[in-house]
Structure formats: structure tokens, C-alpha cells
C-alpha atoms as a PDB file:
ATOM      1  CA  MET A   1       9.410 -15.666 -31.922  1.00  0.00           C
ATOM      2  CA  ILE A   2      12.534 -13.819 -31.353  1.00  0.00           C
ATOM      3  CA  ASP A   3      16.006 -13.929 -33.039  1.00  0.00           C
ATOM      4  CA  TYR A   4      19.524 -13.709 -31.899  1.00  0.00           C
ATOM      5  CA  LEU A   5      20.332 -10.360 -33.733  1.00  0.00           C
ATOM      6  CA  GLY A   6      17.200  -8.610 -32.577  1.00  0.00           C
ATOM      7  CA  VAL A   7      17.889  -9.638 -28.765  1.00  0.00           C
ATOM      8  CA  LYS A   8      21.543  -8.593 -29.230  1.00  0.00           C
ATOM      9  CA  ASN A   9      20.785  -5.271 -30.467  1.00  0.00           C
ATOM     10  CA  GLN A  10      17.985  -4.469 -28.000  1.00  0.00           C
ATOM     11  CA  PHE A  11      20.475  -5.385 -25.088  1.00  0.00           C
ATOM     12  CA  ALA A  12      23.330  -3.255 -26.754  1.00  0.00           C
ATOM     13  CA  ASN A  13      21.164  -0.306 -26.520  1.00  0.00           C
ATOM     14  CA  ILE A  14      19.842  -0.722 -22.999  1.00  0.00           C
ATOM     15  CA  GLN A  15      21.487   1.981 -20.511  1.00  0.00           C
ATOM     16  CA  GLY A  16      22.887   0.802 -17.146  1.00  0.00           C
ATOM     17  CA  ILE A  17      23.982  -2.521 -18.081  1.00  0.00           C
ATOM     18  CA  LYS A  18      27.041  -3.985 -20.001  1.00  0.00           C
ATOM     19  CA  LEU A  19      26.336  -6.716 -22.519  1.00  0.00           C
ATOM     20  CA  ASN A  20      29.018  -9.346 -21.825  1.00  0.00           C
ATOM     21  CA  SER A  21      27.915 -12.063 -24.206  1.00  0.00           C
ATOM     22  CA  CYS A  22      24.941 -13.213 -26.342  1.00  0.00           C
ATOM     23  CA  PHE A  23      24.540 -16.731 -28.084  1.00  0.00           C
ATOM     24  CA  ASP A  24      21.780 -18.921 -29.352  1.00  0.00           C
ATOM     25  CA  SER A  25      21.513 -22.108 -27.297  1.00  0.00           C
ATOM     26  CA  GLY A  26      18.932 -23.660 -29.787  1.00  0.00           C
ATOM     27  CA  SER A  27      15.684 -23.322 -27.520  1.00  0.00           C
ATOM     28  CA  ALA A  28      16.585 -19.723 -26.051  1.00  0.00           C
ATOM     29  CA  ILE A  29      18.792 -16.755 -26.531  1.00  0.00           C
ATOM     30  CA  VAL A  30      21.220 -16.528 -23.548  1.00  0.00           C
ATOM     31  CA  VAL A  31      22.548 -13.264 -22.486  1.00  0.00           C
ATOM     32  CA  SER A  32      24.876 -12.175 -19.900  1.00  0.00           C
ATOM     33  CA  VAL A  33      25.078  -8.711 -18.570  1.00  0.00           C
ATOM     34  CA  THR A  34      26.487  -6.796 -15.680  1.00  0.00           C
ATOM     35  CA  PHE A  35      24.746  -3.936 -14.075  1.00  0.00           C
ATOM     36  CA  ASP A  36      26.273  -0.453 -14.084  1.00  0.00           C
ATOM     37  CA  ALA A  37      23.632   1.715 -12.497  1.00  0.00           C
ATOM     38  CA  SER A  38      21.957   2.972  -9.368  1.00  0.00           C
ATOM     39  CA  ILE A  39      18.495   2.714  -8.332  1.00  0.00           C
ATOM     40  CA  LEU A  40      16.338   4.392  -5.555  1.00  0.00           C
ATOM     41  CA  VAL A  41      14.052   2.455  -3.335  1.00  0.00           C
ATOM     42  CA  ASN A  42      12.131   4.141  -0.586  1.00  0.00           C
ATOM     43  CA  ASN A  43      14.317   7.308  -0.686  1.00  0.00           C
ATOM     44  CA  ALA A  44      17.455   5.085  -0.289  1.00  0.00           C
ATOM     45  CA  ARG A  45      19.903   4.720  -3.128  1.00  0.00           C
ATOM     46  CA  PHE A  46      21.742   1.501  -3.950  1.00  0.00           C
ATOM     47  CA  ILE A  47      24.646   0.738  -6.626  1.00  0.00           C
ATOM     48  CA  LEU A  48      23.590  -2.089  -8.902  1.00  0.00           C
ATOM     49  CA  ASP A  49      26.788  -4.211  -9.986  1.00  0.00           C
ATOM     50  CA  HIS A  50      25.389  -7.750 -10.270  1.00  0.00           C
ATOM     51  CA  THR A  51      26.121  -9.866 -13.299  1.00  0.00           C
ATOM     52  CA  VAL A  52      23.158 -12.126 -14.399  1.00  0.00           C
ATOM     53  CA  GLN A  53      22.664 -14.445 -16.931  1.00  0.00           C
ATOM     54  CA  ILE A  54      18.893 -14.096 -18.724  1.00  0.00           C
ATOM     55  CA  GLU A  55      17.683 -17.010 -20.976  1.00  0.00           C
ATOM     56  CA  ILE A  56      14.840 -15.671 -23.536  1.00  0.00           C
ATOM     57  CA  PRO A  57      12.887 -18.724 -24.827  1.00  0.00           C
ATOM     58  CA  LYS A  58      12.435 -18.714 -28.454  1.00  0.00           C
ATOM     59  CA  LYS A  59       8.726 -18.804 -27.960  1.00  0.00           C
ATOM     60  CA  TYR A  60       9.060 -15.731 -25.987  1.00  0.00           C
ATOM     61  CA  PRO A  61       6.648 -13.571 -25.204  1.00  0.00           C
ATOM     62  CA  LEU A  62       4.464 -16.708 -25.037  1.00  0.00           C
ATOM     63  CA  ILE A  63       7.090 -17.917 -22.361  1.00  0.00           C
ATOM     64  CA  LEU A  64       8.777 -15.594 -20.212  1.00  0.00           C
ATOM     65  CA  PRO A  65      12.421 -15.371 -19.706  1.00  0.00           C
ATOM     66  CA  SER A  66      14.278 -16.622 -16.544  1.00  0.00           C
ATOM     67  CA  VAL A  67      17.295 -14.853 -14.876  1.00  0.00           C
ATOM     68  CA  PHE A  68      19.866 -15.838 -12.170  1.00  0.00           C
ATOM     69  CA  GLU A  69      23.204 -14.566 -11.092  1.00  0.00           C
ATOM     70  CA  SER A  70      26.091 -16.112 -13.068  1.00  0.00           C
ATOM     71  CA  PRO A  71      28.781 -16.991 -12.521  1.00  0.00           C
ATOM     72  CA  GLU A  72      29.297 -15.658  -9.123  1.00  0.00           C
ATOM     73  CA  LYS A  73      26.269 -15.987  -6.560  1.00  0.00           C
ATOM     74  CA  THR A  74      26.202 -13.091  -4.176  1.00  0.00           C
ATOM     75  CA  ILE A  75      22.463 -12.908  -3.277  1.00  0.00           C
ATOM     76  CA  THR A  76      21.967 -15.200  -0.192  1.00  0.00           C
ATOM     77  CA  ASN A  77      19.309 -15.444   2.521  1.00  0.00           C
ATOM     78  CA  PHE A  78      16.625 -13.966   0.480  1.00  0.00           C
ATOM     79  CA  SER A  79      13.259 -15.613   0.193  1.00  0.00           C
ATOM     80  CA  HIS A  80      12.643 -14.484  -3.542  1.00  0.00           C
ATOM     81  CA  ILE A  81      15.099 -16.727  -4.891  1.00  0.00           C
ATOM     82  CA  ASN A  82      13.544 -19.912  -6.579  1.00  0.00           C
ATOM     83  CA  PRO A  83      14.609 -23.264  -5.395  1.00  0.00           C
ATOM     84  CA  ASP A  84      15.879 -24.426  -8.752  1.00  0.00           C
ATOM     85  CA  THR A  85      19.209 -25.399  -9.938  1.00  0.00           C
ATOM     86  CA  ASN A  86      20.113 -22.062 -11.313  1.00  0.00           C
ATOM     87  CA  LYS A  87      18.425 -20.251  -8.100  1.00  0.00           C
ATOM     88  CA  THR A  88      16.480 -17.882 -10.631  1.00  0.00           C
ATOM     89  CA  PHE A  89      14.819 -14.774  -9.485  1.00  0.00           C
ATOM     90  CA  CYS A  90      11.322 -14.470  -8.448  1.00  0.00           C
ATOM     91  CA  LEU A  91      10.390 -11.309 -10.105  1.00  0.00           C
ATOM     92  CA  GLY A  92       6.528 -11.604  -9.415  1.00  0.00           C
ATOM     93  CA  ILE A  93       3.555 -13.322 -10.364  1.00  0.00           C
ATOM     94  CA  GLU A  94       3.632 -13.919 -14.291  1.00  0.00           C
ATOM     95  CA  LEU A  95       0.138 -12.461 -15.063  1.00  0.00           C
ATOM     96  CA  ASP A  96       1.607  -9.175 -13.138  1.00  0.00           C
ATOM     97  CA  ILE A  97       4.810  -9.398 -15.004  1.00  0.00           C
ATOM     98  CA  ARG A  98       2.969  -9.688 -18.327  1.00  0.00           C
ATOM     99  CA  LYS A  99       0.724  -6.538 -17.366  1.00  0.00           C
ATOM    100  CA  LYS A 100       3.990  -4.415 -16.723  1.00  0.00           C
ATOM    101  CA  MET A 101       5.517  -5.598 -20.087  1.00  0.00           C
ATOM    102  CA  GLU A 102       2.909  -4.668 -22.328  1.00  0.00           C
ATOM    103  CA  PRO A 103       2.051  -3.819 -25.147  1.00  0.00           C
ATOM    104  CA  ASP A 104       5.282  -4.276 -26.591  1.00  0.00           C
ATOM    105  CA  TYR A 105       7.146  -6.895 -24.439  1.00  0.00           C
ATOM    106  CA  SER A 106      10.376  -5.080 -24.926  1.00  0.00           C
ATOM    107  CA  LEU A 107      13.381  -6.581 -23.279  1.00  0.00           C
ATOM    108  CA  LYS A 108      14.307  -3.227 -21.736  1.00  0.00           C
ATOM    109  CA  LYS A 109      11.236  -3.599 -19.673  1.00  0.00           C
ATOM    110  CA  TYR A 110      12.325  -6.879 -18.307  1.00  0.00           C
ATOM    111  CA  VAL A 111      15.707  -5.447 -17.517  1.00  0.00           C
ATOM    112  CA  CYS A 112      13.906  -2.941 -15.512  1.00  0.00           C
ATOM    113  CA  LEU A 113      12.160  -5.564 -13.532  1.00  0.00           C
ATOM    114  CA  ILE A 114      15.483  -7.184 -12.684  1.00  0.00           C
ATOM    115  CA  ALA A 115      16.853  -3.764 -11.624  1.00  0.00           C
ATOM    116  CA  ASP A 116      13.678  -3.524  -9.270  1.00  0.00           C
ATOM    117  CA  PHE A 117      14.328  -6.974  -7.849  1.00  0.00           C
ATOM    118  CA  LEU A 118      18.077  -6.195  -7.116  1.00  0.00           C
ATOM    119  CA  GLY A 119      17.128  -2.903  -5.650  1.00  0.00           C
ATOM    120  CA  ILE A 120      14.495  -4.681  -3.254  1.00  0.00           C
ATOM    121  CA  TYR A 121      17.231  -7.199  -2.278  1.00  0.00           C
ATOM    122  CA  GLN A 122      19.412  -4.483  -1.249  1.00  0.00           C
ATOM    123  CA  TYR A 123      16.895  -2.631   0.740  1.00  0.00           C
ATOM    124  CA  TYR A 124      16.001  -5.982   2.392  1.00  0.00           C
ATOM    125  CA  SER A 125      19.734  -6.660   3.075  1.00  0.00           C
ATOM    126  CA  ARG A 126      20.254  -3.258   4.533  1.00  0.00           C
ATOM    127  CA  TYR A 127      17.308  -2.649   6.683  1.00  0.00           C
ATOM    128  CA  GLN A 128      15.753  -6.446   6.950  1.00  0.00           C
ATOM    129  CA  ILE A 129      12.462  -5.300   5.861  1.00  0.00           C
ATOM    130  CA  PHE A 130      10.619  -5.117   2.352  1.00  0.00           C
ATOM    131  CA  PRO A 131      10.102  -1.755   0.968  1.00  0.00           C
ATOM    132  CA  TYR A 132       6.822  -2.438  -0.469  1.00  0.00           C
ATOM    133  CA  GLY A 133       5.321  -5.290   1.540  1.00  0.00           C
ATOM    134  CA  GLU A 134       5.977  -8.917   0.498  1.00  0.00           C
ATOM    135  CA  ARG A 135       3.768 -11.524  -1.119  1.00  0.00           C
ATOM    136  CA  SER A 136       4.042 -15.237  -0.528  1.00  0.00           C
ATOM    137  CA  HIS A 137       5.995 -17.822  -2.888  1.00  0.00           C
ATOM    138  CA  GLY A 138       4.517 -20.164  -5.140  1.00  0.00           C
ATOM    139  CA  ASP A 139       0.671 -21.138  -5.314  1.00  0.00           C
ATOM    140  CA  MET A 140       0.077 -19.156  -2.293  1.00  0.00           C
ATOM    141  CA  GLY A 141       1.428 -16.056  -4.058  1.00  0.00           C
ATOM    142  CA  ILE A 142      -0.778 -16.761  -6.931  1.00  0.00           C
ATOM    143  CA  ARG A 143      -3.708 -16.833  -4.754  1.00  0.00           C
ATOM    144  CA  GLU A 144      -2.749 -13.455  -3.145  1.00  0.00           C
ATOM    145  CA  TYR A 145      -2.309 -11.941  -6.344  1.00  0.00           C
ATOM    146  CA  TYR A 146      -5.585 -12.826  -7.821  1.00  0.00           C
ATOM    147  CA  LYS A 147      -7.589 -11.914  -4.652  1.00  0.00           C
ATOM    148  CA  GLU A 148      -6.052  -8.562  -4.958  1.00  0.00           C
ATOM    149  CA  LEU A 149      -6.558  -8.308  -8.444  1.00  0.00           C
ATOM    150  CA  PHE A 150     -10.399  -9.278  -8.372  1.00  0.00           C
ATOM    151  CA  GLY A 151     -10.967  -7.831  -5.045  1.00  0.00           C
ATOM    152  CA  VAL A 152     -12.257 -10.969  -3.275  1.00  0.00           C
ATOM    153  CA  ASP A 153     -11.476 -12.747  -0.227  1.00  0.00           C
ATOM    154  CA  THR A 154     -11.668 -16.438  -0.536  1.00  0.00           C
ATOM    155  CA  ASP A 155     -10.026 -19.070  -2.628  1.00  0.00           C
ATOM    156  CA  GLN A 156     -13.146 -20.391  -3.958  1.00  0.00           C
ATOM    157  CA  LYS A 157     -14.190 -17.017  -5.510  1.00  0.00           C
ATOM    158  CA  ILE A 158     -11.024 -16.586  -7.121  1.00  0.00           C
ATOM    159  CA  ILE A 159     -11.267 -20.331  -8.602  1.00  0.00           C
ATOM    160  CA  ASN A 160     -14.781 -19.538  -9.907  1.00  0.00           C
ATOM    161  CA  LEU A 161     -13.757 -16.314 -11.704  1.00  0.00           C
ATOM    162  CA  MET A 162     -10.508 -17.937 -13.065  1.00  0.00           C
ATOM    163  CA  LYS A 163     -12.596 -20.849 -14.735  1.00  0.00           C
ATOM    164  CA  THR A 164     -14.517 -18.461 -16.835  1.00  0.00           C
ATOM    165  CA  HIS A 165     -12.831 -18.979 -20.164  1.00  0.00           C
ATOM    166  CA  LYS A 166     -14.836 -16.704 -22.456  1.00  0.00           C
ATOM    167  CA  LEU A 167     -17.332 -13.795 -22.242  1.00  0.00           C
ATOM    168  CA  ASN A 168     -19.984 -12.711 -24.604  1.00  0.00           C
ATOM    169  CA  ASN A 169     -22.542  -9.919 -24.267  1.00  0.00           C
ATOM    170  CA  ARG A 170     -25.581 -12.448 -23.353  1.00  0.00           C
ATOM    171  CA  MET A 171     -23.585 -13.139 -20.098  1.00  0.00           C
ATOM    172  CA  ARG A 172     -23.656  -9.588 -18.970  1.00  0.00           C
ATOM    173  CA  ASN A 173     -26.871  -9.899 -17.097  1.00  0.00           C
ATOM    174  CA  LYS A 174     -26.046 -13.304 -15.628  1.00  0.00           C
ATOM    175  CA  LYS A 175     -24.828 -13.650 -11.818  1.00  0.00           C
ATOM    176  CA  CYS A 176     -21.156 -12.912 -11.447  1.00  0.00           C
ATOM    177  CA  PRO A 177     -19.329 -16.209 -10.702  1.00  0.00           C
ATOM    178  CA  CYS A 178     -17.736 -14.548  -7.685  1.00  0.00           C
ATOM    179  CA  ASN A 179     -21.376 -15.160  -5.879  1.00  0.00           C
ATOM    180  CA  SER A 180     -21.539 -11.462  -4.945  1.00  0.00           C
ATOM    181  CA  GLY A 181     -25.235 -11.588  -6.063  1.00  0.00           C
ATOM    182  CA  LEU A 182     -24.500  -8.706  -8.569  1.00  0.00           C
ATOM    183  CA  LYS A 183     -24.892  -9.094 -12.286  1.00  0.00           C
ATOM    184  CA  LEU A 184     -21.561  -9.726 -14.028  1.00  0.00           C
ATOM    185  CA  LYS A 185     -21.668  -6.643 -16.011  1.00  0.00           C
ATOM    186  CA  ASN A 186     -21.895  -4.655 -12.617  1.00  0.00           C
ATOM    187  CA  CYS A 187     -19.143  -6.799 -10.929  1.00  0.00           C
ATOM    188  CA  HIS A 188     -16.094  -8.623 -12.393  1.00  0.00           C
ATOM    189  CA  TRP A 189     -16.909  -8.048 -16.266  1.00  0.00           C
ATOM    190  CA  SER A 190     -14.301  -5.435 -16.684  1.00  0.00           C
ATOM    191  CA  GLN A 191     -11.396  -7.471 -14.985  1.00  0.00           C
ATOM    192  CA  LEU A 192     -12.241 -10.614 -16.732  1.00  0.00           C
ATOM    193  CA  ASN A 193     -12.869  -8.885 -20.074  1.00  0.00           C
ATOM    194  CA  THR A 194      -9.134  -7.318 -19.728  1.00  0.00           C
ATOM    195  CA  ILE A 195      -7.787 -10.518 -19.378  1.00  0.00           C
ATOM    196  CA  LEU A 196      -9.813 -12.784 -21.577  1.00  0.00           C
ATOM    197  CA  SER A 197      -9.571 -10.385 -24.602  1.00  0.00           C
ATOM    198  CA  ASN A 198      -5.849 -10.447 -24.419  1.00  0.00           C
ATOM    199  CA  SER A 199      -4.414 -13.706 -25.750  1.00  0.00           C
ATOM    200  CA  LEU A 200      -1.179 -13.901 -23.646  1.00  0.00           C
ATOM    201  CA  GLN A 201      -2.866 -12.768 -20.406  1.00  0.00           C
ATOM    202  CA  HIS A 202      -5.617 -15.501 -21.094  1.00  0.00           C
ATOM    203  CA  VAL A 203      -3.245 -18.253 -21.627  1.00  0.00           C
ATOM    204  CA  GLN A 204      -1.600 -17.175 -18.296  1.00  0.00           C
ATOM    205  CA  LEU A 205      -5.009 -17.152 -16.438  1.00  0.00           C
ATOM    206  CA  GLN A 206      -5.468 -20.831 -17.648  1.00  0.00           C
ATOM    207  CA  LYS A 207      -2.117 -21.716 -16.542  1.00  0.00           C
ATOM    208  CA  ASP A 208      -2.270 -20.252 -13.102  1.00  0.00           C
ATOM    209  CA  TYR A 209      -6.006 -21.838 -12.709  1.00  0.00           C
ATOM    210  CA  LYS A 210      -4.211 -25.204 -13.524  1.00  0.00           C
ATOM    211  CA  ILE A 211      -1.625 -24.772 -10.796  1.00  0.00           C
ATOM    212  CA  LEU A 212      -4.209 -23.740  -8.125  1.00  0.00           C
ATOM    213  CA  GLN A 213      -6.195 -26.976  -9.208  1.00  0.00           C
ATOM    214  CA  GLY A 214      -3.148 -28.979  -8.641  1.00  0.00           C
ATOM    215  CA  ARG A 215      -3.094 -30.109 -12.418  1.00  0.00           C
END
């Protein structure tokens, strides 16, 4: 759980942003900041001056924040804006966001992810190409991420791996659920153990599994 003063103090001490406001909405701490920084993307430098609203749920880090431009919307014609009412930023697949924010889940790291997003948007606006490649949106993006994470090439293989909810030493010599024919200990044990031994990553894996199963 987070608290108003803790959040306000964190944002007040992050360089490259100006804290405009911070209030408790009941279910979240809502923060408005204006970027006052520059960022280097593929050797091209961009000025960041966007004003964004960040809504940090009281259950953070179990539930990740959302962020969007407010009051003015200047980001247009960009595929990584979610189709919701606030036009929130798609900062990436949630498991990947969690890995980047560990171990402390400091809000400074979240601000850095927003800065990266804004830098990529400006790079795309200038050159009409993504600097580091592009992952699909929604369910397809989740599938692509887990295929990269596990190093597999079919949807069925990632589903088989994602539905593994626990590991124990007796399972090490069983066949890996990816159907490679190898023992689990010689195949995907390490990747699965990293996720399943981390409570927040484990919850996220289960959430993504349900999304891919259409639940």
C-alpha cells in the first residue's frame, strides 16, 4: 500500500519533472507533472515538455499505475496510445514493466519509463520509424513478449508454460511443458522459477494467461 505523503515526497525529489499537483482520490494517488528534460534516443536528442497525469492505485505495486496526457492531448497518430477514455500510454507488457521496476518499485523508475515512451514517440514523429522495433498491441503483444521470454515459436508452447503454477524439485526431471523433449531442469526451469518465486510476477503471469485464454 502507498500513502499520499510518500508519493508526494518521491515525486518532489525526481529530477527532470515539475510536480504540479498531488491529491488522494480515494482509490488512487493522482499526480500531475510536467517534464523538463531531454532524452537521447538512437543518438537523436529530444526535449521533453509534456504534462501528464499519473494515477497510482492504493494497491500499488500489485496494480500498476496508469498515465496519460492532461489537460492537453498533444500525442496523436501513435499506435501505442490505448483506446480508452483517457487515452492512456501503453508503456509495454506488464510483466516486462514489473521486471524493469524491481526490486523496489520506486516511482522514479516509472517516470523513467514514461520518459522513454515520450522519447520513442518523438523519434517516431520525426523519422516515421520505431527506434528499437515495435511490438504489437493487446493480446498479440502479450503473445509476442512471452515467445521472446521463453524462446519458443508457437502460441501453444507459451500457453503450456504459462499454466505452470508451481515448481518443486520433484518436477526437475519431468519433461518440459514446452514439449521440447528435454527435462524441465535443462529447458525452462530457470525462466519459470524466476517468475513463480516472485509473488508479483507470478500474479501477473496468471493474469496474462487468463487474457490469452479469453477469460
